[in-house]
C-alpha cells in the first residue's frame, strides 16, 4: 500500500476521532465504484467481478478496516454487491441496497441517518453522489477507473470531499 495514501488515511481517521470527541455531529461516508468486472460475462448487463475485482474488494476492506463503519450500501447488481460483501462480512453488517437512479433521495437519506457508511456504486453514480452529499457538483468518471475512494466528511450540516486513489495493482 502506498505510504502517502496510508498516512493520509491515518490522518483522516485521527481527524475523525477528534471531531467526534468535540461533539460536532461529524460522520463520514466512503464511496467507491464496484471493483473490476468480468469482460466476457454471460450477462453483460450484470457481470460478476473478475479475479482482480475480487482482490480489490478485499483490499477496500483492509483500507477501511480502522474506520467505524455502521452501514454498508450497494446497488442491487452482482458486481457492486460482491464489492461490498467482504467489508460487510468483516464487520458483520448487512448490505442495504439503494436505487442508483434516485441519487438525490438516497443522499438525503444518508445525511439524515448521520452514520459512518460505505457506499458502493458505479462510474456514473459514485462521483455524482459524493457531490450531492457535499452540496457540490459531482460528475461521472471514466469507466476504466476503479481506484477512486471518496470520503465525504459531514459536520455541522456541511460536507467536504476528500478524494484518494487506491494503491492497488493486479495483473491477470
N, C-alpha and C. Protein backbone atom coordinates (compact mmCIF):
# COMPACT_ATOMS: atom_id res chain seq x y z
N UNK A 1 0.86 -1.18 0.00
CA UNK A 1 0.00 0.00 0.00
C UNK A 1 0.90 1.24 0.00
N UNK A 2 0.56 2.21 -0.75
CA UNK A 2 1.32 3.44 -0.86
C UNK A 2 1.39 4.13 0.50
N UNK A 3 2.61 4.51 0.91
CA UNK A 3 2.81 5.14 2.23
C UNK A 3 2.04 6.45 2.36
N UNK A 4 1.99 7.25 1.28
CA UNK A 4 1.29 8.53 1.35
C UNK A 4 -0.21 8.33 1.50
N UNK A 5 -0.75 7.34 0.81
CA UNK A 5 -2.18 7.03 0.94
C UNK A 5 -2.48 6.59 2.36
N UNK A 6 -1.64 5.69 2.89
CA UNK A 6 -1.84 5.19 4.25
C UNK A 6 -1.73 6.32 5.26
N UNK A 7 -0.73 7.19 5.11
CA UNK A 7 -0.56 8.32 6.02
C UNK A 7 -1.78 9.24 5.96
N UNK A 8 -2.26 9.51 4.75
CA UNK A 8 -3.44 10.36 4.60
C UNK A 8 -4.66 9.75 5.27
N UNK A 9 -4.83 8.44 5.10
CA UNK A 9 -5.97 7.76 5.71
C UNK A 9 -5.86 7.78 7.23
N UNK A 10 -4.66 7.58 7.76
CA UNK A 10 -4.46 7.63 9.21
C UNK A 10 -4.79 9.02 9.74
N UNK A 11 -4.34 10.05 9.04
CA UNK A 11 -4.65 11.42 9.46
C UNK A 11 -6.14 11.70 9.45
N UNK A 12 -6.83 11.17 8.44
CA UNK A 12 -8.28 11.35 8.38
C UNK A 12 -8.99 10.64 9.52
N UNK A 13 -8.51 9.46 9.87
CA UNK A 13 -9.09 8.73 11.00
C UNK A 13 -8.88 9.52 12.29
N UNK A 14 -7.67 10.03 12.48
CA UNK A 14 -7.40 10.83 13.68
C UNK A 14 -8.25 12.09 13.71
N UNK A 15 -8.39 12.72 12.55
CA UNK A 15 -9.25 13.90 12.44
C UNK A 15 -10.69 13.53 12.77
N UNK A 16 -11.13 12.38 12.31
CA UNK A 16 -12.49 11.91 12.57
C UNK A 16 -12.72 11.73 14.06
N UNK A 17 -11.76 11.12 14.73
CA UNK A 17 -11.87 10.90 16.18
C UNK A 17 -11.92 12.22 16.91
N UNK A 18 -11.08 13.17 16.51
CA UNK A 18 -11.06 14.48 17.16
C UNK A 18 -12.39 15.19 16.99
N UNK A 19 -12.94 15.17 15.78
CA UNK A 19 -14.23 15.81 15.55
C UNK A 19 -15.34 15.12 16.35
N UNK A 20 -15.31 13.82 16.39
CA UNK A 20 -16.35 13.08 17.12
C UNK A 20 -16.29 13.41 18.59
N UNK A 21 -15.09 13.58 19.12
CA UNK A 21 -14.96 13.90 20.54
C UNK A 21 -15.40 15.32 20.83
N UNK A 22 -15.32 16.20 19.83
CA UNK A 22 -15.78 17.58 20.00
C UNK A 22 -17.30 17.66 20.06
N UNK A 23 -17.99 16.60 19.66
CA UNK A 23 -19.45 16.61 19.68
C UNK A 23 -20.08 17.39 18.55
N UNK A 24 -19.36 17.56 17.45
CA UNK A 24 -19.88 18.33 16.32
C UNK A 24 -20.82 17.53 15.43
N UNK A 25 -21.16 16.31 15.80
CA UNK A 25 -22.05 15.52 14.97
C UNK A 25 -21.41 15.10 13.67
N UNK A 26 -20.14 14.92 13.67
CA UNK A 26 -19.37 14.58 12.49
C UNK A 26 -19.54 13.12 12.11
N UNK A 27 -19.65 12.84 10.81
CA UNK A 27 -19.64 11.47 10.31
C UNK A 27 -19.05 11.49 8.90
N UNK A 28 -18.64 10.32 8.42
CA UNK A 28 -18.04 10.21 7.09
C UNK A 28 -18.73 9.13 6.27
N UNK A 29 -18.87 9.42 5.01
CA UNK A 29 -19.41 8.46 4.07
C UNK A 29 -18.32 8.19 3.04
N UNK A 30 -17.98 6.92 2.89
CA UNK A 30 -16.94 6.48 1.96
C UNK A 30 -17.63 5.90 0.73
N UNK A 31 -17.19 6.32 -0.44
CA UNK A 31 -17.82 5.88 -1.67
C UNK A 31 -16.78 5.29 -2.61
N UNK A 32 -17.09 4.14 -3.17
CA UNK A 32 -16.23 3.51 -4.17
C UNK A 32 -17.09 3.01 -5.32
N UNK A 33 -16.45 2.91 -6.44
CA UNK A 33 -17.08 2.24 -7.57
C UNK A 33 -16.85 0.74 -7.38
N UNK A 34 -17.74 -0.07 -7.92
CA UNK A 34 -17.51 -1.52 -7.85
C UNK A 34 -16.14 -1.85 -8.41
N UNK A 35 -15.58 -2.95 -7.99
CA UNK A 35 -14.27 -3.39 -8.45
C UNK A 35 -14.36 -3.92 -9.89
N UNK A 36 -13.22 -4.31 -10.43
CA UNK A 36 -13.14 -4.75 -11.81
C UNK A 36 -14.13 -5.88 -12.10
N UNK A 37 -14.81 -5.75 -13.23
CA UNK A 37 -15.82 -6.74 -13.62
C UNK A 37 -15.27 -7.64 -14.72
N UNK A 38 -15.90 -8.79 -14.86
CA UNK A 38 -15.51 -9.71 -15.93
C UNK A 38 -15.83 -9.07 -17.28
N UNK A 39 -14.91 -9.16 -18.19
CA UNK A 39 -15.14 -8.56 -19.50
C UNK A 39 -15.91 -9.48 -20.43
N UNK A 40 -15.86 -10.77 -20.18
CA UNK A 40 -16.55 -11.76 -21.03
C UNK A 40 -17.68 -12.42 -20.23
N UNK A 41 -18.54 -11.61 -19.63
CA UNK A 41 -19.59 -12.12 -18.76
C UNK A 41 -20.73 -12.75 -19.56
N UNK A 42 -21.36 -13.74 -18.95
CA UNK A 42 -22.54 -14.37 -19.56
C UNK A 42 -23.66 -13.35 -19.71
N UNK A 43 -23.83 -12.51 -18.70
CA UNK A 43 -24.85 -11.46 -18.73
C UNK A 43 -24.13 -10.11 -18.67
N UNK A 44 -23.87 -9.48 -19.82
CA UNK A 44 -23.10 -8.23 -19.83
C UNK A 44 -23.77 -7.08 -19.06
N UNK A 45 -25.07 -7.17 -18.81
CA UNK A 45 -25.74 -6.11 -18.05
C UNK A 45 -25.55 -6.28 -16.53
N UNK A 46 -25.11 -7.46 -16.12
CA UNK A 46 -24.92 -7.72 -14.69
C UNK A 46 -23.73 -8.68 -14.47
N UNK A 47 -22.53 -8.24 -14.87
CA UNK A 47 -21.38 -9.13 -14.77
C UNK A 47 -20.90 -9.32 -13.33
N UNK A 48 -20.23 -10.43 -13.11
CA UNK A 48 -19.58 -10.72 -11.83
C UNK A 48 -18.24 -9.98 -11.79
N UNK A 49 -17.60 -10.03 -10.64
CA UNK A 49 -16.25 -9.46 -10.53
C UNK A 49 -15.25 -10.41 -11.17
N UNK A 50 -14.20 -9.82 -11.71
CA UNK A 50 -13.08 -10.62 -12.21
C UNK A 50 -12.23 -11.03 -10.99
N UNK A 51 -11.21 -11.82 -11.23
CA UNK A 51 -10.32 -12.21 -10.14
C UNK A 51 -9.66 -10.97 -9.53
N UNK A 52 -9.24 -10.03 -10.37
CA UNK A 52 -8.66 -8.78 -9.86
C UNK A 52 -9.71 -7.98 -9.07
N UNK A 53 -10.94 -8.01 -9.54
CA UNK A 53 -12.01 -7.32 -8.82
C UNK A 53 -12.23 -7.90 -7.44
N UNK A 54 -12.17 -9.21 -7.32
CA UNK A 54 -12.31 -9.84 -6.01
C UNK A 54 -11.17 -9.42 -5.08
N UNK A 55 -9.96 -9.34 -5.63
CA UNK A 55 -8.81 -8.90 -4.82
C UNK A 55 -8.95 -7.44 -4.42
N UNK A 56 -9.45 -6.60 -5.34
CA UNK A 56 -9.66 -5.18 -4.99
C UNK A 56 -10.72 -5.06 -3.89
N UNK A 57 -11.79 -5.82 -3.96
CA UNK A 57 -12.84 -5.77 -2.93
C UNK A 57 -12.24 -6.10 -1.56
N UNK A 58 -11.36 -7.08 -1.51
CA UNK A 58 -10.68 -7.41 -0.26
C UNK A 58 -9.74 -6.28 0.17
N UNK A 59 -9.10 -5.64 -0.80
CA UNK A 59 -8.22 -4.51 -0.50
C UNK A 59 -9.00 -3.33 0.09
N UNK A 60 -10.18 -3.07 -0.44
CA UNK A 60 -11.03 -2.00 0.11
C UNK A 60 -11.36 -2.30 1.57
N UNK A 61 -11.63 -3.56 1.86
CA UNK A 61 -11.93 -3.97 3.24
C UNK A 61 -10.74 -3.65 4.15
N UNK A 62 -9.54 -3.95 3.69
CA UNK A 62 -8.35 -3.67 4.50
C UNK A 62 -8.14 -2.17 4.67
N UNK A 63 -8.34 -1.40 3.59
CA UNK A 63 -8.14 0.05 3.65
C UNK A 63 -9.08 0.67 4.69
N UNK A 64 -10.31 0.19 4.75
CA UNK A 64 -11.31 0.77 5.64
C UNK A 64 -11.42 0.05 6.99
N UNK A 65 -10.50 -0.86 7.27
CA UNK A 65 -10.61 -1.70 8.48
C UNK A 65 -10.57 -0.92 9.79
N UNK A 66 -9.94 0.23 9.81
CA UNK A 66 -9.87 1.01 11.05
C UNK A 66 -10.97 2.06 11.16
N UNK A 67 -11.85 2.09 10.19
CA UNK A 67 -12.98 3.02 10.20
C UNK A 67 -14.17 2.35 10.88
N UNK A 68 -14.84 3.07 11.73
CA UNK A 68 -16.00 2.54 12.43
C UNK A 68 -17.25 2.65 11.55
N UNK A 69 -17.32 1.78 10.53
CA UNK A 69 -18.47 1.80 9.63
C UNK A 69 -19.69 1.23 10.34
N UNK A 70 -20.81 1.93 10.18
CA UNK A 70 -22.06 1.49 10.80
C UNK A 70 -23.03 0.90 9.80
N UNK A 71 -22.81 1.18 8.52
CA UNK A 71 -23.75 0.75 7.48
C UNK A 71 -23.00 0.59 6.16
N UNK A 72 -23.46 -0.37 5.36
CA UNK A 72 -22.90 -0.58 4.02
C UNK A 72 -24.06 -0.62 3.03
N UNK A 73 -23.91 0.15 1.95
CA UNK A 73 -24.93 0.25 0.92
C UNK A 73 -24.34 -0.17 -0.43
N UNK A 74 -25.18 -0.73 -1.27
CA UNK A 74 -24.77 -1.13 -2.60
C UNK A 74 -25.97 -1.07 -3.54
N UNK A 75 -25.70 -0.84 -4.80
CA UNK A 75 -26.76 -1.03 -5.78
C UNK A 75 -27.03 -2.53 -5.88
N UNK A 76 -28.14 -2.94 -6.44
CA UNK A 76 -28.51 -4.36 -6.41
C UNK A 76 -27.85 -5.23 -7.49
N UNK A 77 -26.75 -4.79 -8.06
CA UNK A 77 -26.09 -5.55 -9.12
C UNK A 77 -25.03 -6.49 -8.54
N UNK A 78 -24.77 -7.57 -9.27
CA UNK A 78 -23.84 -8.58 -8.78
C UNK A 78 -22.45 -7.98 -8.48
N UNK A 79 -21.94 -7.14 -9.36
CA UNK A 79 -20.59 -6.58 -9.20
C UNK A 79 -20.49 -5.64 -8.00
N UNK A 80 -21.55 -4.86 -7.72
CA UNK A 80 -21.49 -3.95 -6.57
C UNK A 80 -21.67 -4.73 -5.26
N UNK A 81 -22.59 -5.66 -5.27
CA UNK A 81 -22.81 -6.47 -4.06
C UNK A 81 -21.54 -7.27 -3.72
N UNK A 82 -20.87 -7.81 -4.74
CA UNK A 82 -19.64 -8.58 -4.50
C UNK A 82 -18.51 -7.69 -4.02
N UNK A 83 -18.52 -6.42 -4.39
CA UNK A 83 -17.52 -5.47 -3.89
C UNK A 83 -17.79 -5.13 -2.43
N UNK A 84 -19.05 -4.99 -2.06
CA UNK A 84 -19.43 -4.64 -0.69
C UNK A 84 -19.31 -5.82 0.28
N UNK A 85 -19.47 -7.03 -0.22
CA UNK A 85 -19.57 -8.21 0.64
C UNK A 85 -18.38 -8.45 1.57
N UNK A 86 -17.12 -8.35 1.12
CA UNK A 86 -16.03 -8.59 2.07
C UNK A 86 -16.04 -7.62 3.27
N UNK A 87 -16.36 -6.36 3.03
CA UNK A 87 -16.45 -5.39 4.13
C UNK A 87 -17.61 -5.73 5.06
N UNK A 88 -18.74 -6.09 4.47
CA UNK A 88 -19.92 -6.45 5.28
C UNK A 88 -19.62 -7.68 6.14
N UNK A 89 -18.98 -8.68 5.56
CA UNK A 89 -18.65 -9.88 6.33
C UNK A 89 -17.65 -9.57 7.45
N UNK A 90 -16.65 -8.75 7.15
CA UNK A 90 -15.64 -8.42 8.16
C UNK A 90 -16.25 -7.67 9.34
N UNK A 91 -17.26 -6.86 9.06
CA UNK A 91 -17.90 -6.05 10.12
C UNK A 91 -19.19 -6.65 10.64
N UNK A 92 -19.58 -7.78 10.09
CA UNK A 92 -20.83 -8.45 10.45
C UNK A 92 -22.03 -7.50 10.27
N UNK A 93 -22.07 -6.88 9.07
CA UNK A 93 -23.15 -5.97 8.72
C UNK A 93 -23.89 -6.51 7.50
N UNK A 94 -25.14 -6.16 7.38
CA UNK A 94 -25.92 -6.48 6.20
C UNK A 94 -25.66 -5.39 5.16
N UNK A 95 -25.75 -5.74 3.90
CA UNK A 95 -25.66 -4.76 2.82
C UNK A 95 -27.07 -4.33 2.46
N UNK A 96 -27.31 -3.03 2.56
CA UNK A 96 -28.62 -2.48 2.19
C UNK A 96 -28.53 -1.94 0.76
N UNK A 97 -29.48 -2.30 -0.07
CA UNK A 97 -29.44 -1.83 -1.46
C UNK A 97 -30.12 -0.46 -1.60
N UNK A 98 -29.67 0.25 -2.63
CA UNK A 98 -30.27 1.54 -2.97
C UNK A 98 -30.44 1.62 -4.49
N UNK A 99 -31.28 2.51 -4.92
CA UNK A 99 -31.57 2.69 -6.33
C UNK A 99 -30.64 3.76 -6.91
N UNK A 100 -29.74 3.39 -7.83
CA UNK A 100 -28.81 4.37 -8.38
C UNK A 100 -29.47 5.43 -9.26
N UNK A 101 -30.74 5.23 -9.57
CA UNK A 101 -31.47 6.21 -10.37
C UNK A 101 -32.14 7.28 -9.50
N UNK A 102 -32.02 7.12 -8.18
CA UNK A 102 -32.63 8.07 -7.25
C UNK A 102 -31.57 8.59 -6.28
N UNK A 103 -30.51 9.18 -6.83
CA UNK A 103 -29.37 9.62 -6.01
C UNK A 103 -29.71 10.77 -5.08
N UNK A 104 -30.57 11.69 -5.51
CA UNK A 104 -30.93 12.82 -4.63
C UNK A 104 -31.65 12.32 -3.38
N UNK A 105 -32.59 11.41 -3.57
CA UNK A 105 -33.31 10.83 -2.42
C UNK A 105 -32.34 10.06 -1.51
N UNK A 106 -31.45 9.29 -2.13
CA UNK A 106 -30.51 8.49 -1.36
C UNK A 106 -29.53 9.38 -0.59
N UNK A 107 -29.07 10.47 -1.20
CA UNK A 107 -28.15 11.37 -0.50
C UNK A 107 -28.84 12.00 0.72
N UNK A 108 -30.11 12.34 0.59
CA UNK A 108 -30.86 12.88 1.73
C UNK A 108 -30.98 11.85 2.84
N UNK A 109 -31.24 10.60 2.48
CA UNK A 109 -31.32 9.52 3.46
C UNK A 109 -30.01 9.36 4.21
N UNK A 110 -28.89 9.38 3.47
CA UNK A 110 -27.57 9.23 4.11
C UNK A 110 -27.28 10.38 5.07
N UNK A 111 -27.61 11.59 4.67
CA UNK A 111 -27.39 12.75 5.54
C UNK A 111 -28.28 12.65 6.77
N UNK A 112 -29.53 12.26 6.59
CA UNK A 112 -30.46 12.14 7.72
C UNK A 112 -30.03 11.06 8.71
N UNK A 113 -29.47 9.97 8.22
CA UNK A 113 -29.07 8.87 9.10
C UNK A 113 -27.81 9.18 9.91
N UNK A 114 -26.97 10.07 9.41
CA UNK A 114 -25.80 10.54 10.16
C UNK A 114 -24.93 9.38 10.65
N UNK A 115 -24.60 8.46 9.76
CA UNK A 115 -23.80 7.29 10.11
C UNK A 115 -22.56 7.21 9.24
N UNK A 116 -21.48 6.69 9.81
CA UNK A 116 -20.32 6.35 9.01
C UNK A 116 -20.73 5.18 8.12
N UNK A 117 -20.56 5.35 6.81
CA UNK A 117 -21.07 4.34 5.89
C UNK A 117 -20.13 4.15 4.71
N UNK A 118 -20.24 2.98 4.10
CA UNK A 118 -19.59 2.67 2.84
C UNK A 118 -20.70 2.55 1.80
N UNK A 119 -20.51 3.20 0.65
CA UNK A 119 -21.47 3.13 -0.45
C UNK A 119 -20.73 2.64 -1.69
N UNK A 120 -21.23 1.56 -2.26
CA UNK A 120 -20.63 1.00 -3.48
C UNK A 120 -21.56 1.31 -4.65
N UNK A 121 -21.00 1.94 -5.66
CA UNK A 121 -21.80 2.33 -6.82
C UNK A 121 -21.10 2.07 -8.13
N UNK A 122 -21.25 2.99 -9.06
CA UNK A 122 -20.79 2.82 -10.44
C UNK A 122 -20.03 4.07 -10.88
N UNK A 123 -19.35 3.97 -12.03
CA UNK A 123 -18.57 5.10 -12.52
C UNK A 123 -19.45 6.31 -12.83
N UNK A 124 -20.71 6.08 -13.16
CA UNK A 124 -21.60 7.20 -13.48
C UNK A 124 -22.43 7.68 -12.29
N UNK A 125 -22.24 7.06 -11.10
CA UNK A 125 -23.02 7.49 -9.93
C UNK A 125 -22.16 7.89 -8.74
N UNK A 126 -21.00 7.29 -8.57
CA UNK A 126 -20.21 7.49 -7.34
C UNK A 126 -19.77 8.94 -7.16
N UNK A 127 -19.18 9.54 -8.19
CA UNK A 127 -18.76 10.95 -8.09
C UNK A 127 -19.94 11.89 -7.96
N UNK A 128 -21.03 11.57 -8.64
CA UNK A 128 -22.24 12.40 -8.57
C UNK A 128 -22.79 12.37 -7.14
N UNK A 129 -22.87 11.19 -6.55
CA UNK A 129 -23.39 11.07 -5.18
C UNK A 129 -22.48 11.79 -4.19
N UNK A 130 -21.16 11.68 -4.36
CA UNK A 130 -20.24 12.40 -3.48
C UNK A 130 -20.52 13.90 -3.54
N UNK A 131 -20.73 14.42 -4.74
CA UNK A 131 -21.05 15.83 -4.90
C UNK A 131 -22.36 16.22 -4.23
N UNK A 132 -23.36 15.39 -4.38
CA UNK A 132 -24.65 15.66 -3.74
C UNK A 132 -24.50 15.70 -2.21
N UNK A 133 -23.75 14.76 -1.66
CA UNK A 133 -23.57 14.69 -0.21
C UNK A 133 -22.83 15.92 0.33
N UNK A 134 -21.93 16.46 -0.48
CA UNK A 134 -21.14 17.62 -0.04
C UNK A 134 -21.76 18.94 -0.46
N UNK A 135 -22.88 18.89 -1.18
CA UNK A 135 -23.51 20.12 -1.65
C UNK A 135 -22.68 20.80 -2.73
N UNK A 136 -21.96 20.00 -3.49
CA UNK A 136 -21.10 20.50 -4.57
C UNK A 136 -21.46 19.76 -5.85
N UNK A 137 -20.90 20.21 -6.92
CA UNK A 137 -21.07 19.49 -8.17
C UNK A 137 -20.23 18.21 -8.15
N UNK A 138 -20.77 17.16 -8.68
CA UNK A 138 -20.05 15.91 -8.81
C UNK A 138 -20.31 15.37 -10.19
N UNK A 139 -19.42 14.55 -10.67
CA UNK A 139 -19.62 14.05 -12.02
C UNK A 139 -19.16 12.62 -12.18
N UNK A 140 -19.64 12.01 -13.24
CA UNK A 140 -19.23 10.65 -13.58
C UNK A 140 -17.75 10.67 -13.94
N UNK A 141 -17.12 9.51 -13.87
CA UNK A 141 -15.73 9.40 -14.29
C UNK A 141 -15.59 8.25 -15.26
N UNK A 142 -14.42 8.12 -15.82
CA UNK A 142 -14.16 7.15 -16.87
C UNK A 142 -14.43 5.73 -16.41
N UNK A 143 -15.03 4.94 -17.28
CA UNK A 143 -15.39 3.57 -16.95
C UNK A 143 -14.18 2.67 -16.71
N UNK A 144 -13.00 3.12 -17.09
CA UNK A 144 -11.79 2.33 -16.87
C UNK A 144 -11.16 2.60 -15.50
N UNK A 145 -11.70 3.54 -14.74
CA UNK A 145 -11.16 3.89 -13.43
C UNK A 145 -11.84 3.07 -12.34
N UNK A 146 -11.02 2.41 -11.54
CA UNK A 146 -11.53 1.61 -10.43
C UNK A 146 -10.89 2.02 -9.10
N UNK A 147 -9.96 2.95 -9.12
CA UNK A 147 -9.15 3.20 -7.94
C UNK A 147 -9.62 4.35 -7.06
N UNK A 148 -10.70 5.01 -7.40
CA UNK A 148 -11.15 6.17 -6.61
C UNK A 148 -11.81 5.74 -5.30
N UNK A 149 -11.46 6.46 -4.25
CA UNK A 149 -12.09 6.30 -2.94
C UNK A 149 -12.43 7.71 -2.45
N UNK A 150 -13.71 7.99 -2.40
CA UNK A 150 -14.18 9.29 -1.91
C UNK A 150 -14.49 9.17 -0.43
N UNK A 151 -14.13 10.20 0.31
CA UNK A 151 -14.58 10.34 1.70
C UNK A 151 -15.32 11.67 1.76
N UNK A 152 -16.59 11.63 2.13
CA UNK A 152 -17.35 12.85 2.33
C UNK A 152 -17.52 13.00 3.84
N UNK A 153 -16.89 14.03 4.38
CA UNK A 153 -16.96 14.31 5.81
C UNK A 153 -18.07 15.33 6.01
N UNK A 154 -19.04 14.99 6.84
CA UNK A 154 -20.17 15.89 7.09
C UNK A 154 -20.11 16.34 8.55
N UNK A 155 -20.07 17.65 8.73
CA UNK A 155 -20.01 18.22 10.07
C UNK A 155 -20.77 19.54 10.05
N UNK A 156 -21.63 19.72 11.02
CA UNK A 156 -22.38 20.97 11.10
C UNK A 156 -23.22 21.22 9.86
N UNK A 157 -23.70 20.17 9.23
CA UNK A 157 -24.56 20.33 8.06
C UNK A 157 -23.83 20.60 6.77
N UNK A 158 -22.49 20.65 6.81
CA UNK A 158 -21.73 20.90 5.59
C UNK A 158 -20.82 19.71 5.30
N UNK A 159 -20.64 19.43 4.02
CA UNK A 159 -19.82 18.31 3.60
C UNK A 159 -18.54 18.75 2.92
N UNK A 160 -17.52 17.95 3.09
CA UNK A 160 -16.22 18.18 2.45
C UNK A 160 -15.80 16.88 1.78
N UNK A 161 -15.42 16.95 0.50
CA UNK A 161 -14.99 15.76 -0.23
C UNK A 161 -13.48 15.63 -0.18
N UNK A 162 -13.02 14.44 0.17
CA UNK A 162 -11.61 14.07 0.06
C UNK A 162 -11.56 12.92 -0.93
N UNK A 163 -10.70 13.05 -1.94
CA UNK A 163 -10.58 12.02 -2.97
C UNK A 163 -9.21 11.37 -2.87
N UNK A 164 -9.22 10.03 -2.76
CA UNK A 164 -7.99 9.25 -2.70
C UNK A 164 -7.97 8.29 -3.88
N UNK A 165 -6.81 7.82 -4.20
CA UNK A 165 -6.66 6.80 -5.22
C UNK A 165 -6.00 5.59 -4.56
N UNK A 166 -6.65 4.45 -4.67
CA UNK A 166 -6.16 3.24 -4.05
C UNK A 166 -4.86 2.78 -4.70
N UNK A 167 -3.91 2.42 -3.88
CA UNK A 167 -2.64 1.89 -4.36
C UNK A 167 -2.79 0.38 -4.53
N UNK A 168 -3.46 0.00 -5.61
CA UNK A 168 -3.76 -1.41 -5.85
C UNK A 168 -3.38 -1.73 -7.28
N UNK A 169 -2.70 -2.83 -7.46
CA UNK A 169 -2.33 -3.25 -8.81
C UNK A 169 -2.51 -4.75 -8.90
N UNK A 170 -3.13 -5.18 -9.97
CA UNK A 170 -3.36 -6.61 -10.18
C UNK A 170 -3.03 -6.94 -11.62
N UNK A 171 -2.30 -8.00 -11.79
CA UNK A 171 -2.01 -8.49 -13.14
C UNK A 171 -2.69 -9.83 -13.32
N UNK A 172 -3.48 -9.93 -14.36
CA UNK A 172 -4.18 -11.19 -14.61
C UNK A 172 -3.40 -12.04 -15.57
